[in-house]
């Protein structure tokens, strides 16, 4: 094999390696893009779950506030009933 053929063969081999390296680079870029998109989709799903949990927590806060209000009303009703019972007891004792 002459120098020209050897140089030509070397040039072809280098070109093939460069083409293969570029193809590998493109493939790795595609895989990375797919992974990034997969992570982005998982983040979106988690965001949706977090929003649902926020809604549930807000609903629970509303329920707790309603219970507090109801409890406060019940305490004032009990106090009023106690005053009535004390008044009735006093009247019974007076007679």
PDB file of N, CA and C in Angstrom:
ATOM      1  N   UNK A   1       0.862  -1.161   0.000  1.00  0.00           N
ATOM      2  CA  UNK A   1       0.000   0.000   0.000  1.00  0.00           C
ATOM      3  C   UNK A   1       0.909   1.226   0.000  1.00  0.00           C
ATOM      4  N   UNK A   2       0.565   2.156  -0.877  1.00  0.00           N
ATOM      5  CA  UNK A   2       1.371   3.351  -1.009  1.00  0.00           C
ATOM      6  C   UNK A   2       0.976   4.397   0.019  1.00  0.00           C
ATOM      7  N   UNK A   3       1.746   5.457   0.063  1.00  0.00           N
ATOM      8  CA  UNK A   3       1.487   6.541   1.018  1.00  0.00           C
ATOM      9  C   UNK A   3       0.143   7.196   0.722  1.00  0.00           C
ATOM     10  N   UNK A   4      -0.163   7.351  -0.563  1.00  0.00           N
ATOM     11  CA  UNK A   4      -1.443   7.990  -0.913  1.00  0.00           C
ATOM     12  C   UNK A   4      -2.617   7.146  -0.433  1.00  0.00           C
ATOM     13  N   UNK A   5      -2.549   5.836  -0.647  1.00  0.00           N
ATOM     14  CA  UNK A   5      -3.648   4.966  -0.204  1.00  0.00           C
ATOM     15  C   UNK A   5      -3.741   4.942   1.318  1.00  0.00           C
ATOM     16  N   UNK A   6      -2.611   4.922   1.979  1.00  0.00           N
ATOM     17  CA  UNK A   6      -2.596   4.903   3.449  1.00  0.00           C
ATOM     18  C   UNK A   6      -3.183   6.208   3.995  1.00  0.00           C
ATOM     19  N   UNK A   7      -2.793   7.332   3.369  1.00  0.00           N
ATOM     20  CA  UNK A   7      -3.320   8.632   3.797  1.00  0.00           C
ATOM     21  C   UNK A   7      -4.819   8.713   3.537  1.00  0.00           C
ATOM     22  N   UNK A   8      -5.243   8.220   2.388  1.00  0.00           N
ATOM     23  CA  UNK A   8      -6.664   8.205   2.059  1.00  0.00           C
ATOM     24  C   UNK A   8      -7.439   7.342   3.043  1.00  0.00           C
ATOM     25  N   UNK A   9      -6.893   6.177   3.363  1.00  0.00           N
ATOM     26  CA  UNK A   9      -7.554   5.272   4.308  1.00  0.00           C
ATOM     27  C   UNK A   9      -7.600   5.916   5.694  1.00  0.00           C
ATOM     28  N   UNK A  10      -6.515   6.547   6.115  1.00  0.00           N
ATOM     29  CA  UNK A  10      -6.485   7.240   7.403  1.00  0.00           C
ATOM     30  C   UNK A  10      -7.525   8.357   7.428  1.00  0.00           C
ATOM     31  N   UNK A  11      -7.600   9.125   6.342  1.00  0.00           N
ATOM     32  CA  UNK A  11      -8.596  10.197   6.249  1.00  0.00           C
ATOM     33  C   UNK A  11     -10.014   9.662   6.358  1.00  0.00           C
ATOM     34  N   UNK A  12     -10.293   8.537   5.677  1.00  0.00           N
ATOM     35  CA  UNK A  12     -11.629   7.927   5.735  1.00  0.00           C
ATOM     36  C   UNK A  12     -11.930   7.438   7.142  1.00  0.00           C
ATOM     37  N   UNK A  13     -10.966   6.812   7.798  1.00  0.00           N
ATOM     38  CA  UNK A  13     -11.169   6.320   9.158  1.00  0.00           C
ATOM     39  C   UNK A  13     -11.413   7.467  10.130  1.00  0.00           C
ATOM     40  N   UNK A  14     -10.657   8.543   9.993  1.00  0.00           N
ATOM     41  CA  UNK A  14     -10.866   9.719  10.853  1.00  0.00           C
ATOM     42  C   UNK A  14     -12.243  10.316  10.604  1.00  0.00           C
ATOM     43  N   UNK A  15     -12.629  10.421   9.340  1.00  0.00           N
ATOM     44  CA  UNK A  15     -13.955  10.953   9.008  1.00  0.00           C
ATOM     45  C   UNK A  15     -15.045  10.072   9.602  1.00  0.00           C
ATOM     46  N   UNK A  16     -14.902   8.756   9.515  1.00  0.00           N
ATOM     47  CA  UNK A  16     -15.891   7.832  10.083  1.00  0.00           C
ATOM     48  C   UNK A  16     -15.972   7.977  11.602  1.00  0.00           C
ATOM     49  N   UNK A  17     -14.825   8.162  12.241  1.00  0.00           N
ATOM     50  CA  UNK A  17     -14.822   8.347  13.690  1.00  0.00           C
ATOM     51  C   UNK A  17     -15.496   9.657  14.081  1.00  0.00           C
ATOM     52  N   UNK A  18     -15.245  10.712  13.307  1.00  0.00           N
ATOM     53  CA  UNK A  18     -15.890  12.004  13.576  1.00  0.00           C
ATOM     54  C   UNK A  18     -17.398  11.879  13.396  1.00  0.00           C
ATOM     55  N   UNK A  19     -17.819  11.214  12.331  1.00  0.00           N
ATOM     56  CA  UNK A  19     -19.256  11.011  12.083  1.00  0.00           C
ATOM     57  C   UNK A  19     -19.872  10.205  13.216  1.00  0.00           C
ATOM     58  N   UNK A  20     -19.176   9.149  13.672  1.00  0.00           N
ATOM     59  CA  UNK A  20     -19.685   8.324  14.768  1.00  0.00           C
ATOM     60  C   UNK A  20     -19.766   9.135  16.065  1.00  0.00           C
ATOM     61  N   UNK A  21     -18.751   9.964  16.313  1.00  0.00           N
ATOM     62  CA  UNK A  21     -18.748  10.803  17.518  1.00  0.00           C
ATOM     63  C   UNK A  21     -19.925  11.774  17.487  1.00  0.00           C
ATOM     64  N   UNK A  22     -20.178  12.361  16.330  1.00  0.00           N
ATOM     65  CA  UNK A  22     -21.323  13.280  16.201  1.00  0.00           C
ATOM     66  C   UNK A  22     -22.644  12.539  16.394  1.00  0.00           C
ATOM     67  N   UNK A  23     -22.740  11.349  15.834  1.00  0.00           N
ATOM     68  CA  UNK A  23     -23.962  10.553  15.996  1.00  0.00           C
ATOM     69  C   UNK A  23     -24.166  10.188  17.463  1.00  0.00           C
ATOM     70  N   UNK A  24     -23.086   9.818  18.152  1.00  0.00           N
ATOM     71  CA  UNK A  24     -23.175   9.504  19.583  1.00  0.00           C
ATOM     72  C   UNK A  24     -23.589  10.724  20.381  1.00  0.00           C
ATOM     73  N   UNK A  25     -23.037  11.886  20.004  1.00  0.00           N
ATOM     74  CA  UNK A  25     -23.384  13.135  20.672  1.00  0.00           C
ATOM     75  C   UNK A  25     -24.872  13.436  20.503  1.00  0.00           C
ATOM     76  N   UNK A  26     -25.381  13.276  19.302  1.00  0.00           N
ATOM     77  CA  UNK A  26     -26.792  13.541  19.019  1.00  0.00           C
ATOM     78  C   UNK A  26     -27.674  12.576  19.810  1.00  0.00           C
ATOM     79  N   UNK A  27     -27.273  11.310  19.848  1.00  0.00           N
ATOM     80  CA  UNK A  27     -28.052  10.305  20.584  1.00  0.00           C
ATOM     81  C   UNK A  27     -28.073  10.621  22.082  1.00  0.00           C
ATOM     82  N   UNK A  28     -26.904  10.999  22.621  1.00  0.00           N
ATOM     83  CA  UNK A  28     -26.844  11.346  24.040  1.00  0.00           C
ATOM     84  C   UNK A  28     -27.673  12.600  24.324  1.00  0.00           C
ATOM     85  N   UNK A  29     -27.650  13.544  23.414  1.00  0.00           N
ATOM     86  CA  UNK A  29     -28.482  14.740  23.564  1.00  0.00           C
ATOM     87  C   UNK A  29     -29.956  14.392  23.576  1.00  0.00           C
ATOM     88  N   UNK A  30     -30.350  13.471  22.712  1.00  0.00           N
ATOM     89  CA  UNK A  30     -31.749  13.028  22.663  1.00  0.00           C
ATOM     90  C   UNK A  30     -32.136  12.327  23.969  1.00  0.00           C
ATOM     91  N   UNK A  31     -31.262  11.464  24.463  1.00  0.00           N
ATOM     92  CA  UNK A  31     -31.537  10.769  25.723  1.00  0.00           C
ATOM     93  C   UNK A  31     -31.643  11.751  26.878  1.00  0.00           C
ATOM     94  N   UNK A  32     -30.755  12.733  26.896  1.00  0.00           N
ATOM     95  CA  UNK A  32     -30.800  13.749  27.947  1.00  0.00           C
ATOM     96  C   UNK A  32     -32.090  14.549  27.871  1.00  0.00           C
ATOM     97  N   UNK A  33     -32.496  14.910  26.664  1.00  0.00           N
ATOM     98  CA  UNK A  33     -33.755  15.645  26.489  1.00  0.00           C
ATOM     99  C   UNK A  33     -34.938  14.823  26.991  1.00  0.00           C
ATOM    100  N   UNK A  34     -34.940  13.532  26.682  1.00  0.00           N
ATOM    101  CA  UNK A  34     -36.026  12.667  27.143  1.00  0.00           C
ATOM    102  C   UNK A  34     -36.052  12.568  28.665  1.00  0.00           C
ATOM    103  N   UNK A  35     -34.877  12.473  29.265  1.00  0.00           N
ATOM    104  CA  UNK A  35     -34.815  12.426  30.735  1.00  0.00           C
ATOM    105  C   UNK A  35     -35.322  13.720  31.346  1.00  0.00           C
ATOM    106  N   UNK A  36     -34.883  14.844  30.778  1.00  0.00           N
ATOM    107  CA  UNK A  36     -35.325  16.153  31.287  1.00  0.00           C
ATOM    108  C   UNK A  36     -36.837  16.274  31.171  1.00  0.00           C
ATOM    109  N   UNK A  37     -37.381  15.858  30.041  1.00  0.00           N
ATOM    110  CA  UNK A  37     -38.835  15.921  29.862  1.00  0.00           C
ATOM    111  C   UNK A  37     -39.547  15.007  30.854  1.00  0.00           C
ATOM    112  N   UNK A  38     -38.967  13.839  31.121  1.00  0.00           N
ATOM    113  CA  UNK A  38     -39.555  12.930  32.102  1.00  0.00           C
ATOM    114  C   UNK A  38     -39.570  13.545  33.487  1.00  0.00           C
ATOM    115  N   UNK A  39     -38.461  14.184  33.857  1.00  0.00           N
ATOM    116  CA  UNK A  39     -38.396  14.841  35.160  1.00  0.00           C
ATOM    117  C   UNK A  39     -39.395  15.998  35.210  1.00  0.00           C
ATOM    118  N   UNK A  40     -39.493  16.742  34.131  1.00  0.00           N
ATOM    119  CA  UNK A  40     -40.441  17.863  34.084  1.00  0.00           C
ATOM    120  C   UNK A  40     -41.870  17.358  34.270  1.00  0.00           C
ATOM    121  N   UNK A  41     -42.204  16.239  33.655  1.00  0.00           N
ATOM    122  CA  UNK A  41     -43.542  15.670  33.820  1.00  0.00           C
ATOM    123  C   UNK A  41     -43.783  15.230  35.256  1.00  0.00           C
ATOM    124  N   UNK A  42     -42.765  14.645  35.875  1.00  0.00           N
ATOM    125  CA  UNK A  42     -42.910  14.232  37.273  1.00  0.00           C
ATOM    126  C   UNK A  42     -43.078  15.442  38.180  1.00  0.00           C
ATOM    127  N   UNK A  43     -42.355  16.515  37.888  1.00  0.00           N
ATOM    128  CA  UNK A  43     -42.492  17.740  38.679  1.00  0.00           C
ATOM    129  C   UNK A  43     -43.905  18.306  38.532  1.00  0.00           C
ATOM    130  N   UNK A  44     -44.437  18.269  37.319  1.00  0.00           N
ATOM    131  CA  UNK A  44     -45.807  18.753  37.104  1.00  0.00           C
ATOM    132  C   UNK A  44     -46.800  17.918  37.895  1.00  0.00           C
ATOM    133  N   UNK A  45     -46.605  16.602  37.916  1.00  0.00           N
ATOM    134  CA  UNK A  45     -47.498  15.733  38.688  1.00  0.00           C
ATOM    135  C   UNK A  45     -47.401  16.050  40.173  1.00  0.00           C
ATOM    136  N   UNK A  46     -46.169  16.257  40.659  1.00  0.00           N
ATOM    137  CA  UNK A  46     -45.994  16.595  42.074  1.00  0.00           C
ATOM    138  C   UNK A  46     -46.627  17.948  42.397  1.00  0.00           C
ATOM    139  N   UNK A  47     -46.487  18.905  41.483  1.00  0.00           N
ATOM    140  CA  UNK A  47     -47.118  20.210  41.692  1.00  0.00           C
ATOM    141  C   UNK A  47     -48.625  20.055  41.816  1.00  0.00           C
ATOM    142  N   UNK A  48     -49.204  19.197  40.967  1.00  0.00           N
ATOM    143  CA  UNK A  48     -50.644  18.952  41.041  1.00  0.00           C
ATOM    144  C   UNK A  48     -51.034  18.347  42.378  1.00  0.00           C
ATOM    145  N   UNK A  49     -50.224  17.409  42.862  1.00  0.00           N
ATOM    146  CA  UNK A  49     -50.513  16.785  44.160  1.00  0.00           C
ATOM    147  C   UNK A  49     -50.386  17.799  45.287  1.00  0.00           C
ATOM    148  N   UNK A  50     -49.376  18.672  45.193  1.00  0.00           N
ATOM    149  CA  UNK A  50     -49.186  19.694  46.223  1.00  0.00           C
ATOM    150  C   UNK A  50     -50.380  20.648  46.228  1.00  0.00           C
ATOM    151  N   UNK A  51     -50.852  21.018  45.061  1.00  0.00           N
ATOM    152  CA  UNK A  51     -52.014  21.911  44.983  1.00  0.00           C
ATOM    153  C   UNK A  51     -53.246  21.239  45.600  1.00  0.00           C
ATOM    154  N   UNK A  52     -53.398  19.934  45.342  1.00  0.00           N
ATOM    155  CA  UNK A  52     -54.524  19.208  45.941  1.00  0.00           C
ATOM    156  C   UNK A  52     -54.382  19.187  47.460  1.00  0.00           C
ATOM    157  N   UNK A  53     -53.172  18.976  47.946  1.00  0.00           N
ATOM    158  CA  UNK A  53     -52.947  18.967  49.396  1.00  0.00           C
ATOM    159  C   UNK A  53     -53.210  20.346  49.995  1.00  0.00           C
ATOM    160  N   UNK A  54     -52.803  21.400  49.286  1.00  0.00           N
ATOM    161  CA  UNK A  54     -53.087  22.755  49.771  1.00  0.00           C
ATOM    162  C   UNK A  54     -54.585  22.970  49.904  1.00  0.00           C
ATOM    163  N   UNK A  55     -55.327  22.504  48.914  1.00  0.00           N
ATOM    164  CA  UNK A  55     -56.786  22.636  48.952  1.00  0.00           C
ATOM    165  C   UNK A  55     -57.354  21.870  50.136  1.00  0.00           C
ATOM    166  N   UNK A  56     -56.858  20.644  50.342  1.00  0.00           N
ATOM    167  CA  UNK A  56     -57.320  19.843  51.479  1.00  0.00           C
ATOM    168  C   UNK A  56     -56.999  20.525  52.804  1.00  0.00           C
ATOM    169  N   UNK A  57     -55.798  21.087  52.923  1.00  0.00           N
ATOM    170  CA  UNK A  57     -55.413  21.776  54.159  1.00  0.00           C
ATOM    171  C   UNK A  57     -56.303  22.992  54.381  1.00  0.00           C
ATOM    172  N   UNK A  58     -56.571  23.739  53.326  1.00  0.00           N
ATOM    173  CA  UNK A  58     -57.449  24.906  53.464  1.00  0.00           C
ATOM    174  C   UNK A  58     -58.859  24.489  53.869  1.00  0.00           C
ATOM    175  N   UNK A  59     -59.337  23.372  53.309  1.00  0.00           N
ATOM    176  CA  UNK A  59     -60.655  22.858  53.702  1.00  0.00           C
ATOM    177  C   UNK A  59     -60.653  22.460  55.174  1.00  0.00           C
ATOM    178  N   UNK A  60     -59.569  21.828  55.608  1.00  0.00           N
ATOM    179  CA  UNK A  60     -59.466  21.439  57.025  1.00  0.00           C
ATOM    180  C   UNK A  60     -59.426  22.660  57.928  1.00  0.00           C
ATOM    181  N   UNK A  61     -58.706  23.691  57.498  1.00  0.00           N
ATOM    182  CA  UNK A  61     -58.659  24.927  58.291  1.00  0.00           C
ATOM    183  C   UNK A  61     -60.057  25.519  58.422  1.00  0.00           C
ATOM    184  N   UNK A  62     -60.798  25.510  57.333  1.00  0.00           N
ATOM    185  CA  UNK A  62     -62.169  26.026  57.362  1.00  0.00           C
ATOM    186  C   UNK A  62     -63.018  25.205  58.315  1.00  0.00           C
ATOM    187  N   UNK A  63     -62.879  23.880  58.248  1.00  0.00           N
ATOM    188  CA  UNK A  63     -63.641  23.010  59.145  1.00  0.00           C
ATOM    189  C   UNK A  63     -63.282  23.270  60.605  1.00  0.00           C
ATOM    190  N   UNK A  64     -61.992  23.440  60.898  1.00  0.00           N
ATOM    191  CA  UNK A  64     -61.555  23.712  62.271  1.00  0.00           C
ATOM    192  C   UNK A  64     -62.117  25.045  62.740  1.00  0.00           C
ATOM    193  N   UNK A  65     -62.077  26.042  61.876  1.00  0.00           N
ATOM    194  CA  UNK A  65     -62.637  27.350  62.251  1.00  0.00           C
ATOM    195  C   UNK A  65     -64.140  27.250  62.503  1.00  0.00           C
ATOM    196  N   UNK A  66     -64.830  26.461  61.683  1.00  0.00           N
ATOM    197  CA  UNK A  66     -66.266  26.260  61.905  1.00  0.00           C
ATOM    198  C   UNK A  66     -66.509  25.569  63.237  1.00  0.00           C
ATOM    199  N   UNK A  67     -65.669  24.575  63.549  1.00  0.00           N
ATOM    200  CA  UNK A  67     -65.803  23.884  64.834  1.00  0.00           C
ATOM    201  C   UNK A  67     -65.534  24.822  65.999  1.00  0.00           C
ATOM    202  N   UNK A  68     -64.522  25.683  65.856  1.00  0.00           N
ATOM    203  CA  UNK A  68     -64.227  26.654  66.914  1.00  0.00           C
ATOM    204  C   UNK A  68     -65.412  27.582  67.125  1.00  0.00           C
ATOM    205  N   UNK A  69     -65.987  28.043  66.034  1.00  0.00           N
ATOM    206  CA  UNK A  69     -67.138  28.939  66.123  1.00  0.00           C
ATOM    207  C   UNK A  69     -68.309  28.218  66.799  1.00  0.00           C
ATOM    208  N   UNK A  70     -68.556  26.988  66.355  1.00  0.00           N
ATOM    209  CA  UNK A  70     -69.649  26.202  66.955  1.00  0.00           C
ATOM    210  C   UNK A  70     -69.399  25.936  68.425  1.00  0.00           C
ATOM    211  N   UNK A  71     -68.155  25.662  68.790  1.00  0.00           N
ATOM    212  CA  UNK A  71     -67.816  25.416  70.179  1.00  0.00           C
ATOM    213  C   UNK A  71     -68.029  26.672  71.014  1.00  0.00           C
ATOM    214  N   UNK A  72     -67.624  27.819  70.464  1.00  0.00           N
ATOM    215  CA  UNK A  72     -67.831  29.084  71.166  1.00  0.00           C
ATOM    216  C   UNK A  72     -69.310  29.368  71.373  1.00  0.00           C
ATOM    217  N   UNK A  73     -70.120  29.104  70.345  1.00  0.00           N
ATOM    218  CA  UNK A  73     -71.568  29.299  70.464  1.00  0.00           C
ATOM    219  C   UNK A  73     -72.152  28.333  71.491  1.00  0.00           C
ATOM    220  N   UNK A  74     -71.639  27.103  71.499  1.00  0.00           N
ATOM    221  CA  UNK A  74     -72.138  26.115  72.449  1.00  0.00           C
ATOM    222  C   UNK A  74     -71.788  26.534  73.876  1.00  0.00           C
ATOM    223  N   UNK A  75     -70.592  27.099  74.074  1.00  0.00           N
ATOM    224  CA  UNK A  75     -70.204  27.554  75.411  1.00  0.00           C
ATOM    225  C   UNK A  75     -71.107  28.687  75.881  1.00  0.00           C
ATOM    226  N   UNK A  76     -71.422  29.634  74.982  1.00  0.00           N
ATOM    227  CA  UNK A  76     -72.299  30.726  75.402  1.00  0.00           C
ATOM    228  C   UNK A  76     -73.710  30.234  75.655  1.00  0.00           C
ATOM    229  N   UNK A  77     -74.159  29.241  74.884  1.00  0.00           N
ATOM    230  CA  UNK A  77     -75.487  28.662  75.120  1.00  0.00           C
ATOM    231  C   UNK A  77     -75.510  27.947  76.466  1.00  0.00           C
ATOM    232  N   UNK A  78     -74.448  27.215  76.771  1.00  0.00           N
ATOM    233  CA  UNK A  78     -74.374  26.521  78.059  1.00  0.00           C
ATOM    234  C   UNK A  78     -74.351  27.520  79.211  1.00  0.00           C
ATOM    235  N   UNK A  79     -73.632  28.610  79.033  1.00  0.00           N
ATOM    236  CA  UNK A  79     -73.584  29.634  80.078  1.00  0.00           C
ATOM    237  C   UNK A  79     -74.966  30.235  80.291  1.00  0.00           C
ATOM    238  N   UNK A  80     -75.658  30.499  79.190  1.00  0.00           N
ATOM    239  CA  UNK A  80     -77.011  31.058  79.313  1.00  0.00           C
ATOM    240  C   UNK A  80     -77.940  30.057  80.006  1.00  0.00           C
ATOM    241  N   UNK A  81     -77.814  28.780  79.647  1.00  0.00           N
ATOM    242  CA  UNK A  81     -78.655  27.754  80.287  1.00  0.00           C
ATOM    243  C   UNK A  81     -78.326  27.646  81.776  1.00  0.00           C
ATOM    244  N   UNK A  82     -77.043  27.766  82.122  1.00  0.00           N
ATOM    245  CA  UNK A  82     -76.645  27.700  83.528  1.00  0.00           C
ATOM    246  C   UNK A  82     -77.251  28.854  84.310  1.00  0.00           C
ATOM    247  N   UNK A  83     -77.270  30.057  83.730  1.00  0.00           N
ATOM    248  CA  UNK A  83     -77.882  31.208  84.406  1.00  0.00           C
ATOM    249  C   UNK A  83     -79.376  30.980  84.602  1.00  0.00           C
ATOM    250  N   UNK A  84     -80.019  30.402  83.597  1.00  0.00           N
ATOM    251  CA  UNK A  84     -81.447  30.109  83.715  1.00  0.00           C
ATOM    252  C   UNK A  84     -81.679  29.096  84.831  1.00  0.00           C
ATOM    253  N   UNK A  85     -80.872  28.040  84.865  1.00  0.00           N
ATOM    254  CA  UNK A  85     -81.025  27.021  85.913  1.00  0.00           C
ATOM    255  C   UNK A  85     -80.772  27.604  87.304  1.00  0.00           C
ATOM    256  N   UNK A  86     -79.789  28.490  87.412  1.00  0.00           N
ATOM    257  CA  UNK A  86     -79.518  29.140  88.707  1.00  0.00           C
ATOM    258  C   UNK A  86     -80.703  30.000  89.111  1.00  0.00           C
ATOM    259  N   UNK A  87     -81.285  30.748  88.163  1.00  0.00           N
ATOM    260  CA  UNK A  87     -82.464  31.577  88.458  1.00  0.00           C
ATOM    261  C   UNK A  87     -83.637  30.706  88.893  1.00  0.00           C
ATOM    262  N   UNK A  88     -83.834  29.569  88.199  1.00  0.00           N
ATOM    263  CA  UNK A  88     -84.933  28.657  88.567  1.00  0.00           C
ATOM    264  C   UNK A  88     -84.689  28.105  89.969  1.00  0.00           C
ATOM    265  N   UNK A  89     -83.437  27.724  90.271  1.00  0.00           N
ATOM    266  CA  UNK A  89     -83.108  27.190  91.589  1.00  0.00           C
ATOM    267  C   UNK A  89     -83.376  28.231  92.681  1.00  0.00           C
ATOM    268  N   UNK A  90     -83.013  29.484  92.421  1.00  0.00           N
ATOM    269  CA  UNK A  90     -83.235  30.550  93.398  1.00  0.00           C
ATOM    270  C   UNK A  90     -84.723  30.750  93.652  1.00  0.00           C
ATOM    271  N   UNK A  91     -85.509  30.697  92.582  1.00  0.00           N
ATOM    272  CA  UNK A  91     -86.952  30.871  92.736  1.00  0.00           C
ATOM    273  C   UNK A  91     -87.559  29.715  93.490  1.00  0.00           C
ATOM    274  N   UNK A  92     -87.041  28.504  93.227  1.00  0.00           N
ATOM    275  CA  UNK A  92     -87.548  27.345  93.969  1.00  0.00           C
ATOM    276  C   UNK A  92     -87.165  27.434  95.428  1.00  0.00           C
ATOM    277  N   UNK A  93     -85.971  27.902  95.723  1.00  0.00           N
ATOM    278  CA  UNK A  93     -85.542  28.044  97.104  1.00  0.00           C
ATOM    279  C   UNK A  93     -86.311  29.155  97.813  1.00  0.00           C
ATOM    280  N   UNK A  94     -86.704  30.188  97.067  1.00  0.00           N
ATOM    281  CA  UNK A  94     -87.428  31.304  97.646  1.00  0.00           C
ATOM    282  C   UNK A  94     -88.851  30.896  98.019  1.00  0.00           C
ATOM    283  N   UNK A  95     -89.412  29.933  97.345  1.00  0.00           N
ATOM    284  CA  UNK A  95     -90.794  29.529  97.607  1.00  0.00           C
ATOM    285  C   UNK A  95     -90.761  28.485  98.657  1.00  0.00           C
TER     286      UNK A  95
END
